[in-house]
PDB file of N, CA and C in Angstrom:
ATOM      1  N   MET A   1      -6.094  16.032  -7.509  1.00  0.00           N
ATOM      2  CA  MET A   1      -4.813  15.369  -7.636  1.00  0.00           C
ATOM      3  C   MET A   1      -4.943  14.300  -8.734  1.00  0.00           C
ATOM      4  N   THR A   2      -3.922  14.172  -9.542  1.00  0.00           N
ATOM      5  CA  THR A   2      -3.960  13.169 -10.608  1.00  0.00           C
ATOM      6  C   THR A   2      -3.413  11.834 -10.102  1.00  0.00           C
ATOM      7  N   LYS A   3      -3.695  10.788 -10.871  1.00  0.00           N
ATOM      8  CA  LYS A   3      -3.204   9.455 -10.533  1.00  0.00           C
ATOM      9  C   LYS A   3      -1.670   9.449 -10.471  1.00  0.00           C
ATOM     10  N   ASN A   4      -1.038  10.126 -11.399  1.00  0.00           N
ATOM     11  CA  ASN A   4       0.425  10.201 -11.433  1.00  0.00           C
ATOM     12  C   ASN A   4       0.978  10.929 -10.206  1.00  0.00           C
ATOM     13  N   GLU A   5       0.298  11.969  -9.773  1.00  0.00           N
ATOM     14  CA  GLU A   5       0.727  12.706  -8.577  1.00  0.00           C
ATOM     15  C   GLU A   5       0.607  11.836  -7.330  1.00  0.00           C
ATOM     16  N   VAL A   6      -0.468  11.044  -7.257  1.00  0.00           N
ATOM     17  CA  VAL A   6      -0.647  10.133  -6.127  1.00  0.00           C
ATOM     18  C   VAL A   6       0.478   9.106  -6.114  1.00  0.00           C
ATOM     19  N   PHE A   7       0.821   8.569  -7.298  1.00  0.00           N
ATOM     20  CA  PHE A   7       1.911   7.599  -7.407  1.00  0.00           C
ATOM     21  C   PHE A   7       3.217   8.207  -6.905  1.00  0.00           C
ATOM     22  N   LYS A   8       3.547   9.399  -7.398  1.00  0.00           N
ATOM     23  CA  LYS A   8       4.806  10.045  -7.012  1.00  0.00           C
ATOM     24  C   LYS A   8       4.847  10.360  -5.515  1.00  0.00           C
ATOM     25  N   LYS A   9       3.720  10.809  -4.977  1.00  0.00           N
ATOM     26  CA  LYS A   9       3.650  11.151  -3.555  1.00  0.00           C
ATOM     27  C   LYS A   9       3.852   9.900  -2.692  1.00  0.00           C
ATOM     28  N   GLU A  10       3.181   8.806  -3.042  1.00  0.00           N
ATOM     29  CA  GLU A  10       3.313   7.559  -2.276  1.00  0.00           C
ATOM     30  C   GLU A  10       4.728   6.997  -2.380  1.00  0.00           C
ATOM     31  N   LYS A  11       5.281   7.013  -3.586  1.00  0.00           N
ATOM     32  CA  LYS A  11       6.637   6.498  -3.776  1.00  0.00           C
ATOM     33  C   LYS A  11       7.638   7.327  -2.983  1.00  0.00           C
ATOM     34  N   SER A  12       7.481   8.628  -3.013  1.00  0.00           N
ATOM     35  CA  SER A  12       8.362   9.523  -2.265  1.00  0.00           C
ATOM     36  C   SER A  12       8.238   9.266  -0.764  1.00  0.00           C
ATOM     37  N   LYS A  13       7.013   9.093  -0.278  1.00  0.00           N
ATOM     38  CA  LYS A  13       6.777   8.845   1.140  1.00  0.00           C
ATOM     39  C   LYS A  13       7.451   7.543   1.578  1.00  0.00           C
ATOM     40  N   LEU A  14       7.227   6.479   0.822  1.00  0.00           N
ATOM     41  CA  LEU A  14       7.798   5.185   1.180  1.00  0.00           C
ATOM     42  C   LEU A  14       9.324   5.185   1.053  1.00  0.00           C
ATOM     43  N   THR A  15       9.827   5.824   0.012  1.00  0.00           N
ATOM     44  CA  THR A  15      11.282   5.910  -0.168  1.00  0.00           C
ATOM     45  C   THR A  15      11.909   6.650   1.008  1.00  0.00           C
ATOM     46  N   ASP A  16      11.259   7.706   1.466  1.00  0.00           N
ATOM     47  CA  ASP A  16      11.758   8.474   2.603  1.00  0.00           C
ATOM     48  C   ASP A  16      11.753   7.629   3.880  1.00  0.00           C
ATOM     49  N   ILE A  17      10.703   6.850   4.067  1.00  0.00           N
ATOM     50  CA  ILE A  17      10.611   5.989   5.255  1.00  0.00           C
ATOM     51  C   ILE A  17      11.760   4.989   5.293  1.00  0.00           C
ATOM     52  N   PHE A  18      12.166   4.508   4.112  1.00  0.00           N
ATOM     53  CA  PHE A  18      13.188   3.473   4.040  1.00  0.00           C
ATOM     54  C   PHE A  18      14.591   4.009   3.742  1.00  0.00           C
ATOM     55  N   LYS A  19      14.782   5.304   3.848  1.00  0.00           N
ATOM     56  CA  LYS A  19      16.079   5.890   3.504  1.00  0.00           C
ATOM     57  C   LYS A  19      17.214   5.419   4.406  1.00  0.00           C
ATOM     58  N   ASP A  20      16.910   5.048   5.653  1.00  0.00           N
ATOM     59  CA  ASP A  20      17.950   4.625   6.581  1.00  0.00           C
ATOM     60  C   ASP A  20      18.155   3.113   6.629  1.00  0.00           C
ATOM     61  N   VAL A  21      17.412   2.381   5.814  1.00  0.00           N
ATOM     62  CA  VAL A  21      17.561   0.928   5.750  1.00  0.00           C
ATOM     63  C   VAL A  21      18.828   0.626   4.956  1.00  0.00           C
ATOM     64  N   GLU A  22      19.537  -0.427   5.350  1.00  0.00           N
ATOM     65  CA  GLU A  22      20.791  -0.747   4.661  1.00  0.00           C
ATOM     66  C   GLU A  22      20.556  -0.945   3.165  1.00  0.00           C
ATOM     67  N   GLU A  23      21.571  -0.603   2.383  1.00  0.00           N
ATOM     68  CA  GLU A  23      21.486  -0.551   0.920  1.00  0.00           C
ATOM     69  C   GLU A  23      20.968  -1.853   0.304  1.00  0.00           C
ATOM     70  N   SER A  24      21.450  -2.990   0.749  1.00  0.00           N
ATOM     71  CA  SER A  24      21.031  -4.265   0.149  1.00  0.00           C
ATOM     72  C   SER A  24      19.538  -4.504   0.354  1.00  0.00           C
ATOM     73  N   LYS A  25      19.022  -4.172   1.523  1.00  0.00           N
ATOM     74  CA  LYS A  25      17.581  -4.332   1.781  1.00  0.00           C
ATOM     75  C   LYS A  25      16.776  -3.328   0.962  1.00  0.00           C
ATOM     76  N   ARG A  26      17.310  -2.132   0.833  1.00  0.00           N
ATOM     77  CA  ARG A  26      16.604  -1.105   0.065  1.00  0.00           C
ATOM     78  C   ARG A  26      16.462  -1.521  -1.395  1.00  0.00           C
ATOM     79  N   LYS A  27      17.530  -2.096  -1.949  1.00  0.00           N
ATOM     80  CA  LYS A  27      17.473  -2.575  -3.332  1.00  0.00           C
ATOM     81  C   LYS A  27      16.460  -3.697  -3.470  1.00  0.00           C
ATOM     82  N   LEU A  28      16.380  -4.528  -2.459  1.00  0.00           N
ATOM     83  CA  LEU A  28      15.466  -5.659  -2.464  1.00  0.00           C
ATOM     84  C   LEU A  28      14.000  -5.204  -2.471  1.00  0.00           C
ATOM     85  N   ILE A  29      13.704  -4.111  -1.803  1.00  0.00           N
ATOM     86  CA  ILE A  29      12.313  -3.677  -1.675  1.00  0.00           C
ATOM     87  C   ILE A  29      11.890  -2.596  -2.673  1.00  0.00           C
ATOM     88  N   GLU A  30      12.784  -2.198  -3.556  1.00  0.00           N
ATOM     89  CA  GLU A  30      12.438  -1.156  -4.536  1.00  0.00           C
ATOM     90  C   GLU A  30      11.177  -1.515  -5.321  1.00  0.00           C
ATOM     91  N   GLY A  31      11.096  -2.754  -5.761  1.00  0.00           N
ATOM     92  CA  GLY A  31       9.927  -3.195  -6.523  1.00  0.00           C
ATOM     93  C   GLY A  31       8.653  -3.150  -5.707  1.00  0.00           C
ATOM     94  N   LEU A  32       8.755  -3.522  -4.429  1.00  0.00           N
ATOM     95  CA  LEU A  32       7.580  -3.470  -3.561  1.00  0.00           C
ATOM     96  C   LEU A  32       7.110  -2.034  -3.350  1.00  0.00           C
ATOM     97  N   ILE A  33       8.052  -1.126  -3.236  1.00  0.00           N
ATOM     98  CA  ILE A  33       7.691   0.288  -3.088  1.00  0.00           C
ATOM     99  C   ILE A  33       6.969   0.771  -4.344  1.00  0.00           C
ATOM    100  N   ASP A  34       7.486   0.396  -5.509  1.00  0.00           N
ATOM    101  CA  ASP A  34       6.823   0.764  -6.770  1.00  0.00           C
ATOM    102  C   ASP A  34       5.420   0.158  -6.845  1.00  0.00           C
ATOM    103  N   ASP A  35       5.295  -1.108  -6.453  1.00  0.00           N
ATOM    104  CA  ASP A  35       3.989  -1.768  -6.489  1.00  0.00           C
ATOM    105  C   ASP A  35       3.006  -1.112  -5.530  1.00  0.00           C
ATOM    106  N   ALA A  36       3.471  -0.765  -4.342  1.00  0.00           N
ATOM    107  CA  ALA A  36       2.606  -0.099  -3.370  1.00  0.00           C
ATOM    108  C   ALA A  36       2.133   1.251  -3.909  1.00  0.00           C
ATOM    109  N   ALA A  37       3.045   1.996  -4.501  1.00  0.00           N
ATOM    110  CA  ALA A  37       2.682   3.306  -5.062  1.00  0.00           C
ATOM    111  C   ALA A  37       1.701   3.140  -6.220  1.00  0.00           C
ATOM    112  N   PHE A  38       1.914   2.123  -7.047  1.00  0.00           N
ATOM    113  CA  PHE A  38       1.011   1.850  -8.166  1.00  0.00           C
ATOM    114  C   PHE A  38      -0.394   1.523  -7.656  1.00  0.00           C
ATOM    115  N   LEU A  39      -0.477   0.616  -6.687  1.00  0.00           N
ATOM    116  CA  LEU A  39      -1.784   0.229  -6.150  1.00  0.00           C
ATOM    117  C   LEU A  39      -2.485   1.414  -5.486  1.00  0.00           C
ATOM    118  N   LYS A  40      -1.723   2.229  -4.786  1.00  0.00           N
ATOM    119  CA  LYS A  40      -2.299   3.416  -4.143  1.00  0.00           C
ATOM    120  C   LYS A  40      -2.883   4.362  -5.201  1.00  0.00           C
ATOM    121  N   SER A  41      -2.161   4.565  -6.296  1.00  0.00           N
ATOM    122  CA  SER A  41      -2.646   5.474  -7.336  1.00  0.00           C
ATOM    123  C   SER A  41      -3.836   4.878  -8.093  1.00  0.00           C
ATOM    124  N   GLU A  42      -3.806   3.573  -8.335  1.00  0.00           N
ATOM    125  CA  GLU A  42      -4.946   2.919  -8.982  1.00  0.00           C
ATOM    126  C   GLU A  42      -6.194   3.026  -8.109  1.00  0.00           C
ATOM    127  N   ASN A  43      -6.018   2.792  -6.831  1.00  0.00           N
ATOM    128  CA  ASN A  43      -7.169   2.863  -5.932  1.00  0.00           C
ATOM    129  C   ASN A  43      -7.680   4.285  -5.756  1.00  0.00           C
ATOM    130  N   TYR A  44      -6.809   5.249  -5.892  1.00  0.00           N
ATOM    131  CA  TYR A  44      -7.250   6.640  -5.855  1.00  0.00           C
ATOM    132  C   TYR A  44      -8.257   6.884  -6.980  1.00  0.00           C
ATOM    133  N   GLU A  45      -7.902   6.416  -8.163  1.00  0.00           N
ATOM    134  CA  GLU A  45      -8.783   6.603  -9.314  1.00  0.00           C
ATOM    135  C   GLU A  45     -10.073   5.777  -9.170  1.00  0.00           C
ATOM    136  N   LEU A  46      -9.929   4.548  -8.710  1.00  0.00           N
ATOM    137  CA  LEU A  46     -11.113   3.710  -8.504  1.00  0.00           C
ATOM    138  C   LEU A  46     -12.045   4.316  -7.452  1.00  0.00           C
ATOM    139  N   LYS A  47     -11.458   4.892  -6.419  1.00  0.00           N
ATOM    140  CA  LYS A  47     -12.259   5.488  -5.355  1.00  0.00           C
ATOM    141  C   LYS A  47     -13.080   6.666  -5.880  1.00  0.00           C
ATOM    142  N   LEU A  48     -12.477   7.457  -6.751  1.00  0.00           N
ATOM    143  CA  LEU A  48     -13.216   8.567  -7.364  1.00  0.00           C
ATOM    144  C   LEU A  48     -14.400   8.045  -8.168  1.00  0.00           C
ATOM    145  N   LEU A  49     -14.173   6.977  -8.928  1.00  0.00           N
ATOM    146  CA  LEU A  49     -15.247   6.364  -9.711  1.00  0.00           C
ATOM    147  C   LEU A  49     -16.331   5.812  -8.797  1.00  0.00           C
ATOM    148  N   LEU A  50     -15.930   5.143  -7.730  1.00  0.00           N
ATOM    149  CA  LEU A  50     -16.897   4.539  -6.818  1.00  0.00           C
ATOM    150  C   LEU A  50     -17.715   5.586  -6.065  1.00  0.00           C
ATOM    151  N   GLN A  51     -17.162   6.762  -5.890  1.00  0.00           N
ATOM    152  CA  GLN A  51     -17.937   7.839  -5.270  1.00  0.00           C
ATOM    153  C   GLN A  51     -19.105   8.235  -6.162  1.00  0.00           C
ATOM    154  N   GLU A  52     -18.921   8.091  -7.471  1.00  0.00           N
ATOM    155  CA  GLU A  52     -19.994   8.398  -8.426  1.00  0.00           C
ATOM    156  C   GLU A  52     -20.985   7.247  -8.571  1.00  0.00           C
ATOM    157  N   THR A  53     -20.449   6.028  -8.674  1.00  0.00           N
ATOM    158  CA  THR A  53     -21.285   4.885  -9.031  1.00  0.00           C
ATOM    159  C   THR A  53     -21.740   4.054  -7.834  1.00  0.00           C
ATOM    160  N   GLY A  54     -21.020   4.115  -6.742  1.00  0.00           N
ATOM    161  CA  GLY A  54     -21.291   3.237  -5.618  1.00  0.00           C
ATOM    162  C   GLY A  54     -20.595   1.899  -5.833  1.00  0.00           C
ATOM    163  N   MET A  55     -20.590   1.079  -4.796  1.00  0.00           N
ATOM    164  CA  MET A  55     -19.893  -0.199  -4.876  1.00  0.00           C
ATOM    165  C   MET A  55     -20.805  -1.325  -5.348  1.00  0.00           C
ATOM    166  N   ILE A  56     -22.105  -1.098  -5.304  1.00  0.00           N
ATOM    167  CA  ILE A  56     -23.024  -2.133  -5.774  1.00  0.00           C
ATOM    168  C   ILE A  56     -24.036  -1.539  -6.746  1.00  0.00           C
ATOM    169  N   GLN A  57     -24.520  -2.397  -7.638  1.00  0.00           N
ATOM    170  CA  GLN A  57     -25.607  -2.021  -8.537  1.00  0.00           C
ATOM    171  C   GLN A  57     -26.889  -2.593  -7.952  1.00  0.00           C
ATOM    172  N   ILE A  58     -27.908  -1.774  -7.898  1.00  0.00           N
ATOM    173  CA  ILE A  58     -29.193  -2.205  -7.366  1.00  0.00           C
ATOM    174  C   ILE A  58     -30.201  -2.206  -8.504  1.00  0.00           C
ATOM    175  N   HIS A  59     -30.893  -3.302  -8.661  1.00  0.00           N
ATOM    176  CA  HIS A  59     -31.902  -3.423  -9.716  1.00  0.00           C
ATOM    177  C   HIS A  59     -32.953  -2.334  -9.497  1.00  0.00           C
ATOM    178  N   PRO A  60     -33.345  -1.623 -10.554  1.00  0.00           N
ATOM    179  CA  PRO A  60     -34.247  -0.482 -10.375  1.00  0.00           C
ATOM    180  C   PRO A  60     -35.641  -0.847  -9.832  1.00  0.00           C
ATOM    181  N   SER A  61     -36.167  -1.994 -10.215  1.00  0.00           N
ATOM    182  CA  SER A  61     -37.517  -2.329  -9.753  1.00  0.00           C
ATOM    183  C   SER A  61     -37.534  -3.396  -8.653  1.00  0.00           C
ATOM    184  N   GLN A  62     -36.460  -4.170  -8.562  1.00  0.00           N
ATOM    185  CA  GLN A  62     -36.384  -5.203  -7.516  1.00  0.00           C
ATOM    186  C   GLN A  62     -35.148  -4.921  -6.661  1.00  0.00           C
ATOM    187  N   ARG A  63     -35.326  -4.041  -5.700  1.00  0.00           N
ATOM    188  CA  ARG A  63     -34.199  -3.526  -4.919  1.00  0.00           C
ATOM    189  C   ARG A  63     -33.454  -4.613  -4.150  1.00  0.00           C
ATOM    190  N   HIS A  64     -34.056  -5.756  -3.946  1.00  0.00           N
ATOM    191  CA  HIS A  64     -33.371  -6.837  -3.247  1.00  0.00           C
ATOM    192  C   HIS A  64     -32.338  -7.524  -4.148  1.00  0.00           C
ATOM    193  N   LEU A  65     -32.392  -7.257  -5.449  1.00  0.00           N
ATOM    194  CA  LEU A  65     -31.401  -7.797  -6.384  1.00  0.00           C
ATOM    195  C   LEU A  65     -30.250  -6.797  -6.496  1.00  0.00           C
ATOM    196  N   GLN A  66     -29.098  -7.241  -6.044  1.00  0.00           N
ATOM    197  CA  GLN A  66     -27.925  -6.370  -6.031  1.00  0.00           C
ATOM    198  C   GLN A  66     -26.712  -7.166  -6.481  1.00  0.00           C
ATOM    199  N   LYS A  67     -25.736  -6.440  -7.027  1.00  0.00           N
ATOM    200  CA  LYS A  67     -24.459  -7.083  -7.352  1.00  0.00           C
ATOM    201  C   LYS A  67     -23.345  -6.039  -7.275  1.00  0.00           C
ATOM    202  N   PRO A  68     -22.163  -6.491  -6.848  1.00  0.00           N
ATOM    203  CA  PRO A  68     -21.040  -5.548  -6.763  1.00  0.00           C
ATOM    204  C   PRO A  68     -20.566  -5.151  -8.160  1.00  0.00           C
ATOM    205  N   THR A  69     -20.070  -3.938  -8.265  1.00  0.00           N
ATOM    206  CA  THR A  69     -19.527  -3.491  -9.540  1.00  0.00           C
ATOM    207  C   THR A  69     -18.121  -4.062  -9.716  1.00  0.00           C
ATOM    208  N   GLU A  70     -17.667  -4.114 -10.943  1.00  0.00           N
ATOM    209  CA  GLU A  70     -16.312  -4.598 -11.210  1.00  0.00           C
ATOM    210  C   GLU A  70     -15.272  -3.670 -10.576  1.00  0.00           C
ATOM    211  N   ALA A  71     -15.555  -2.380 -10.571  1.00  0.00           N
ATOM    212  CA  ALA A  71     -14.634  -1.419  -9.940  1.00  0.00           C
ATOM    213  C   ALA A  71     -14.519  -1.702  -8.443  1.00  0.00           C
ATOM    214  N   ALA A  72     -15.630  -2.066  -7.811  1.00  0.00           N
ATOM    215  CA  ALA A  72     -15.606  -2.379  -6.384  1.00  0.00           C
ATOM    216  C   ALA A  72     -14.792  -3.639  -6.121  1.00  0.00           C
ATOM    217  N   ARG A  73     -14.971  -4.638  -6.958  1.00  0.00           N
ATOM    218  CA  ARG A  73     -14.193  -5.873  -6.807  1.00  0.00           C
ATOM    219  C   ARG A  73     -12.695  -5.584  -6.933  1.00  0.00           C
ATOM    220  N   GLN A  74     -12.344  -4.813  -7.953  1.00  0.00           N
ATOM    221  CA  GLN A  74     -10.926  -4.507  -8.172  1.00  0.00           C
ATOM    222  C   GLN A  74     -10.371  -3.654  -7.047  1.00  0.00           C
ATOM    223  N   TYR A  75     -11.164  -2.714  -6.565  1.00  0.00           N
ATOM    224  CA  TYR A  75     -10.738  -1.868  -5.451  1.00  0.00           C
ATOM    225  C   TYR A  75     -10.385  -2.734  -4.235  1.00  0.00           C
ATOM    226  N   LEU A  76     -11.251  -3.677  -3.910  1.00  0.00           N
ATOM    227  CA  LEU A  76     -11.016  -4.540  -2.753  1.00  0.00           C
ATOM    228  C   LEU A  76      -9.798  -5.439  -2.957  1.00  0.00           C
ATOM    229  N   LYS A  77      -9.604  -5.943  -4.174  1.00  0.00           N
ATOM    230  CA  LYS A  77      -8.407  -6.741  -4.466  1.00  0.00           C
ATOM    231  C   LYS A  77      -7.158  -5.898  -4.278  1.00  0.00           C
ATOM    232  N   ASN A  78      -7.203  -4.669  -4.786  1.00  0.00           N
ATOM    233  CA  ASN A  78      -6.055  -3.770  -4.665  1.00  0.00           C
ATOM    234  C   ASN A  78      -5.760  -3.427  -3.206  1.00  0.00           C
ATOM    235  N   VAL A  79      -6.815  -3.195  -2.423  1.00  0.00           N
ATOM    236  CA  VAL A  79      -6.628  -2.872  -1.006  1.00  0.00           C
ATOM    237  C   VAL A  79      -5.930  -4.033  -0.306  1.00  0.00           C
ATOM    238  N   ASN A  80      -6.373  -5.247  -0.593  1.00  0.00           N
ATOM    239  CA  ASN A  80      -5.748  -6.418   0.030  1.00  0.00           C
ATOM    240  C   ASN A  80      -4.291  -6.567  -0.395  1.00  0.00           C
ATOM    241  N   SER A  81      -4.010  -6.386  -1.678  1.00  0.00           N
ATOM    242  CA  SER A  81      -2.637  -6.485  -2.169  1.00  0.00           C
ATOM    243  C   SER A  81      -1.765  -5.395  -1.558  1.00  0.00           C
ATOM    244  N   TYR A  82      -2.297  -4.183  -1.480  1.00  0.00           N
ATOM    245  CA  TYR A  82      -1.566  -3.064  -0.886  1.00  0.00           C
ATOM    246  C   TYR A  82      -1.246  -3.364   0.584  1.00  0.00           C
ATOM    247  N   ALA A  83      -2.220  -3.903   1.299  1.00  0.00           N
ATOM    248  CA  ALA A  83      -2.018  -4.218   2.714  1.00  0.00           C
ATOM    249  C   ALA A  83      -0.913  -5.262   2.896  1.00  0.00           C
ATOM    250  N   VAL A  84      -0.881  -6.265   2.030  1.00  0.00           N
ATOM    251  CA  VAL A  84       0.156  -7.296   2.110  1.00  0.00           C
ATOM    252  C   VAL A  84       1.534  -6.683   1.848  1.00  0.00           C
ATOM    253  N   ILE A  85       1.611  -5.817   0.852  1.00  0.00           N
ATOM    254  CA  ILE A  85       2.888  -5.174   0.527  1.00  0.00           C
ATOM    255  C   ILE A  85       3.359  -4.289   1.682  1.00  0.00           C
ATOM    256  N   ILE A  86       2.441  -3.504   2.240  1.00  0.00           N
ATOM    257  CA  ILE A  86       2.801  -2.622   3.358  1.00  0.00           C
ATOM    258  C   ILE A  86       3.230  -3.453   4.562  1.00  0.00           C
ATOM    259  N   LYS A  87       2.547  -4.553   4.809  1.00  0.00           N
ATOM    260  CA  LYS A  87       2.929  -5.433   5.923  1.00  0.00           C
ATOM    261  C   LYS A  87       4.337  -5.997   5.698  1.00  0.00           C
ATOM    262  N   THR A  88       4.624  -6.391   4.464  1.00  0.00           N
ATOM    263  CA  THR A  88       5.955  -6.902   4.124  1.00  0.00           C
ATOM    264  C   THR A  88       7.012  -5.818   4.305  1.00  0.00           C
ATOM    265  N   LEU A  89       6.728  -4.630   3.812  1.00  0.00           N
ATOM    266  CA  LEU A  89       7.670  -3.519   3.962  1.00  0.00           C
ATOM    267  C   LEU A  89       7.878  -3.186   5.439  1.00  0.00           C
ATOM    268  N   ASN A  90       6.809  -3.218   6.207  1.00  0.00           N
ATOM    269  CA  ASN A  90       6.922  -2.945   7.636  1.00  0.00           C
ATOM    270  C   ASN A  90       7.793  -3.998   8.318  1.00  0.00           C
ATOM    271  N   GLY A  91       7.688  -5.238   7.868  1.00  0.00           N
ATOM    272  CA  GLY A  91       8.539  -6.297   8.409  1.00  0.00           C
ATOM    273  C   GLY A  91      10.008  -6.017   8.155  1.00  0.00           C
ATOM    274  N   VAL A  92      10.318  -5.538   6.960  1.00  0.00           N
ATOM    275  CA  VAL A  92      11.700  -5.190   6.632  1.00  0.00           C
ATOM    276  C   VAL A  92      12.157  -4.023   7.500  1.00  0.00           C
ATOM    277  N   LEU A  93      11.295  -3.052   7.674  1.00  0.00           N
ATOM    278  CA  LEU A  93      11.625  -1.887   8.490  1.00  0.00           C
ATOM    279  C   LEU A  93      11.808  -2.291   9.954  1.00  0.00           C
ATOM    280  N   SER A  94      10.927  -3.132  10.457  1.00  0.00           N
ATOM    281  CA  SER A  94      11.027  -3.596  11.843  1.00  0.00           C
ATOM    282  C   SER A  94      12.288  -4.415  12.054  1.00  0.00           C
ATOM    283  N   LYS A  95      12.604  -5.260  11.108  1.00  0.00           N
ATOM    284  CA  LYS A  95      13.811  -6.090  11.193  1.00  0.00           C
ATOM    285  C   LYS A  95      15.046  -5.186  11.236  1.00  0.00           C
ATOM    286  N   ASN A  96      15.013  -4.108  10.471  1.00  0.00           N
ATOM    287  CA  ASN A  96      16.133  -3.170  10.456  1.00  0.00           C
ATOM    288  C   ASN A  96      16.288  -2.500  11.820  1.00  0.00           C
ATOM    289  N   ILE A  97      15.174  -2.173  12.456  1.00  0.00           N
ATOM    290  CA  ILE A  97      15.221  -1.536  13.782  1.00  0.00           C
ATOM    291  C   ILE A  97      15.747  -2.524  14.815  1.00  0.00           C
ATOM    292  N   ILE A  98      15.289  -3.773  14.736  1.00  0.00           N
ATOM    293  CA  ILE A  98      15.757  -4.806  15.658  1.00  0.00           C
ATOM    294  C   ILE A  98      17.261  -5.010  15.488  1.00  0.00           C
ATOM    295  N   ASP A  99      17.724  -5.054  14.246  1.00  0.00           N
ATOM    296  CA  ASP A  99      19.157  -5.207  13.981  1.00  0.00           C
ATOM    297  C   ASP A  99      19.950  -4.064  14.592  1.00  0.00           C
ATOM    298  N   ASP A 100      19.430  -2.841  14.485  1.00  0.00           N
ATOM    299  CA  ASP A 100      20.111  -1.695  15.069  1.00  0.00           C
ATOM    300  C   ASP A 100      20.187  -1.822  16.583  1.00  0.00           C
ATOM    301  N   ASP A 101      19.117  -2.288  17.211  1.00  0.00           N
ATOM    302  CA  ASP A 101      19.099  -2.470  18.655  1.00  0.00           C
ATOM    303  C   ASP A 101      20.124  -3.519  19.081  1.00  0.00           C
ATOM    304  N   ASP A 102      20.260  -4.591  18.302  1.00  0.00           N
ATOM    305  CA  ASP A 102      21.209  -5.643  18.629  1.00  0.00           C
ATOM    306  C   ASP A 102      22.641  -5.125  18.637  1.00  0.00           C
ATOM    307  N   GLU A 103      22.949  -4.204  17.746  1.00  0.00           N
ATOM    308  CA  GLU A 103      24.289  -3.644  17.695  1.00  0.00           C
ATOM    309  C   GLU A 103      24.595  -2.840  18.957  1.00  0.00           C
ATOM    310  N   LEU A 104      23.578  -2.258  19.554  1.00  0.00           N
ATOM    311  CA  LEU A 104      23.781  -1.464  20.756  1.00  0.00           C
ATOM    312  C   LEU A 104      23.828  -2.327  22.007  1.00  0.00           C
ATOM    313  N   SER A 105      23.316  -3.541  21.924  1.00  0.00           N
ATOM    314  CA  SER A 105      23.245  -4.392  23.112  1.00  0.00           C
ATOM    315  C   SER A 105      24.614  -4.725  23.675  1.00  0.00           C
ATOM    316  N   GLU A 106      25.652  -4.712  22.860  1.00  0.00           N
ATOM    317  CA  GLU A 106      26.982  -5.038  23.363  1.00  0.00           C
ATOM    318  C   GLU A 106      27.509  -3.983  24.316  1.00  0.00           C
ATOM    319  N   PHE A 107      26.910  -2.789  24.287  1.00  0.00           N
ATOM    320  CA  PHE A 107      27.352  -1.709  25.167  1.00  0.00           C
ATOM    321  C   PHE A 107      26.523  -1.602  26.432  1.00  0.00           C
ATOM    322  N   GLU A 108      25.475  -2.411  26.535  1.00  0.00           N
ATOM    323  CA  GLU A 108      24.603  -2.341  27.691  1.00  0.00           C
ATOM    324  C   GLU A 108      25.227  -3.098  28.866  1.00  0.00           C
ATOM    325  N   ASP A 109      24.920  -2.623  30.080  1.00  0.00           N
ATOM    326  CA  ASP A 109      25.385  -3.311  31.300  1.00  0.00           C
ATOM    327  C   ASP A 109      24.477  -4.477  31.578  1.00  0.00           C
ATOM    328  N   ASP A 110      25.042  -5.564  32.024  1.00  0.00           N
ATOM    329  CA  ASP A 110      24.242  -6.737  32.378  1.00  0.00           C
ATOM    330  C   ASP A 110      23.809  -6.676  33.821  1.00  0.00           C
TER     331      ASP A 110
END
């Protein structure tokens, strides 16, 4: 799978999840959906690289000397950013569900 395919797949998945959210909220989160898809596709590529190189460099003669690779650092930053975006999007989705429940509460028996 290419990086572009991963981006399109993630964007499509997230857009589908939010299809029933009210229009104003959907417009508000469009950028977050794009950012989440971007980070997912970037990390896909970084993950492929890390499978080849590993996340740390080990000194050839002094194995106790180690340091993380730049790709590993960026991967972890991206994972954290992606998690924050997904948490934010989930909050919008949860708020939308709560709002829907509130509309039905007027029909419930006390």
